[in-house]
Protein backbone atom coordinates (compact mmCIF):
# COMPACT_ATOMS: atom_id res chain seq x y z
CA MET A 1 -116.10 88.34 82.34
CA SER A 2 -113.89 90.31 79.28
CA THR A 3 -113.61 89.31 75.98
CA MET A 4 -111.12 89.25 73.79
CA ALA A 5 -108.98 92.32 71.89
CA PHE A 6 -108.04 89.68 69.38
CA ALA A 7 -108.01 86.36 68.10
CA ILE A 8 -104.52 84.58 66.70
CA GLU A 9 -105.76 83.40 63.47
CA SER A 10 -102.10 81.23 62.28
CA LEU A 11 -98.69 80.84 62.65
CA ASP A 12 -96.47 82.85 60.29
CA HIS A 13 -93.34 81.47 61.82
CA LEU A 14 -91.31 80.25 64.28
CA VAL A 15 -87.79 80.05 65.03
CA LEU A 16 -84.79 77.28 65.75
CA THR A 17 -81.70 77.94 67.41
CA VAL A 18 -79.13 75.25 65.86
CA HIS A 19 -75.05 74.71 65.80
CA SER A 20 -74.99 74.65 61.87
CA ILE A 21 -77.23 76.59 59.43
CA SER A 22 -76.01 74.68 56.95
CA ALA A 23 -76.13 71.75 58.27
CA THR A 24 -79.84 72.33 58.93
CA THR A 25 -81.08 73.90 55.44
CA ASP A 26 -79.26 71.03 53.51
CA PHE A 27 -81.72 68.60 55.85
CA TYR A 28 -84.74 70.56 55.65
CA SER A 29 -83.76 71.06 52.27
CA GLU A 30 -82.79 67.92 51.06
CA VAL A 31 -85.16 65.56 53.20
CA LEU A 32 -87.87 67.18 53.87
CA GLY A 33 -88.22 69.50 50.48
CA MET A 34 -88.15 72.94 52.17
CA ASP A 35 -87.22 76.13 50.35
CA VAL A 36 -84.14 77.98 51.46
CA VAL A 37 -84.52 81.47 51.50
CA THR A 38 -82.54 84.16 52.31
CA PHE A 39 -84.23 87.59 53.97
CA ASN A 40 -82.29 90.97 55.69
CA GLY A 41 -78.95 88.14 55.49
CA ARG A 42 -80.44 85.72 57.55
CA LYS A 43 -81.73 82.42 56.38
CA ALA A 44 -85.03 80.55 57.01
CA LEU A 45 -86.83 77.53 55.44
CA ALA A 46 -89.79 78.00 53.88
CA PHE A 47 -92.83 75.74 53.06
CA GLY A 48 -96.61 76.17 52.45
CA GLU A 49 -96.97 79.46 53.91
CA GLN A 50 -95.40 79.29 56.74
CA ARG A 51 -91.62 79.53 57.60
CA ILE A 52 -89.16 78.43 59.96
CA ASN A 53 -86.09 81.22 60.89
CA LEU A 54 -82.77 79.90 61.69
CA HIS A 55 -80.74 81.25 64.65
CA GLN A 56 -77.44 80.20 64.81
CA HIS A 57 -76.34 79.12 68.50
CA GLY A 58 -74.49 81.68 70.27
CA HIS A 59 -75.33 84.57 67.64
CA GLU A 60 -79.12 84.69 67.98
CA PHE A 61 -80.92 87.54 66.53
CA ALA A 62 -82.82 89.98 69.75
CA PRO A 63 -85.13 89.73 70.59
CA PHE A 64 -84.87 85.64 70.84
CA ALA A 65 -86.06 83.09 73.30
CA ALA A 66 -84.62 83.44 77.44
CA HIS A 67 -82.69 80.06 76.82
CA PRO A 68 -82.17 78.83 73.47
CA THR A 69 -81.35 75.49 72.77
CA PRO A 70 -80.34 73.55 69.61
CA GLY A 71 -82.04 70.33 70.38
CA SER A 72 -85.24 71.66 72.02
CA GLY A 73 -87.78 71.86 69.34
CA ASP A 74 -90.36 69.28 68.44
CA LEU A 75 -92.28 69.79 65.24
CA CYS A 76 -95.18 68.07 63.45
CA PHE A 77 -95.34 68.48 59.37
CA ILE A 78 -98.13 67.21 57.40
CA THR A 79 -98.16 65.26 53.98
CA SER A 80 -100.22 63.76 51.66
CA THR A 81 -98.16 61.42 51.26
CA PRO A 82 -98.57 58.33 52.24
CA LEU A 83 -96.53 57.48 54.97
CA GLU A 84 -95.46 53.96 53.75
CA GLU A 85 -93.54 56.30 50.52
CA VAL A 86 -91.95 58.56 52.82
CA ILE A 87 -90.58 55.26 54.84
CA GLU A 88 -89.60 54.41 51.35
CA TYR A 89 -87.52 57.43 50.64
CA LEU A 90 -86.00 57.85 53.92
CA ASP A 91 -84.81 53.97 53.90
CA GLN A 92 -83.06 55.82 50.38
CA LEU A 93 -81.53 58.87 52.35
CA ARG A 94 -80.43 56.32 55.11
CA ILE A 95 -82.41 58.76 57.40
CA HIS A 96 -83.38 56.88 60.52
CA VAL A 97 -87.06 56.12 62.08
CA GLU A 98 -87.18 56.38 65.43
CA MET A 99 -90.61 55.60 65.68
CA GLY A 100 -93.58 55.01 63.46
CA PRO A 101 -96.10 54.76 62.01
CA VAL A 102 -98.20 55.15 65.24
CA GLU A 103 -101.40 57.19 65.53
CA ARG A 104 -101.67 60.30 67.52
CA THR A 105 -103.64 63.33 67.90
CA GLY A 106 -103.00 66.88 65.78
CA ALA A 107 -104.66 70.35 66.13
CA GLN A 108 -107.40 69.61 62.73
CA SER A 109 -107.64 65.68 63.08
CA GLN A 110 -106.21 62.17 64.16
CA LEU A 111 -102.83 61.81 62.62
CA ARG A 112 -100.78 58.59 61.27
CA SER A 113 -96.98 59.65 61.85
CA LEU A 114 -93.70 58.68 62.16
CA TYR A 115 -90.90 60.15 63.54
CA ILE A 116 -86.67 61.05 62.36
CA ARG A 117 -84.06 63.88 64.22
CA ASP A 118 -82.51 66.67 62.27
CA PRO A 119 -79.10 67.25 62.66
CA ASP A 120 -79.56 69.13 66.29
CA ARG A 121 -81.99 66.10 67.44
CA ASN A 122 -84.90 68.17 67.20
CA LEU A 123 -87.82 65.20 66.82
CA VAL A 124 -89.34 65.72 63.36
CA GLU A 125 -92.41 64.20 63.41
CA ILE A 126 -93.90 63.54 59.64
CA SER A 127 -97.71 62.87 59.29
CA ASN A 128 -100.65 61.83 57.75
CA PHE A 129 -104.25 62.91 58.37
CA ILE A 130 -106.61 59.91 59.15
């Protein structure tokens, strides 16, 4: 039996391939309150200690996924704001809640979640720890 030479400690960033960088940054900054950051001429969305780097479909930065496809993401974000308040806020912005609140199992604990879609139709889960 072999032992691992290293251990993964956290997620630094992930990449979303999108049809429109501006539509994506508008959505994630206005609806989810993420910060739009620019690095090396590229755009990303920052929140907490993580970042979502953005690739424009057809103009991805190498190396990139074998089949980068807008709308193939399924992301879960944690908030301490009660979901009822999140739903009220989303209603004000006319953002459709596709499902929820429902109970789910997260990486750290049980979650209470709702689901919306971003401009590329990625599934965006917004959750509270139970």
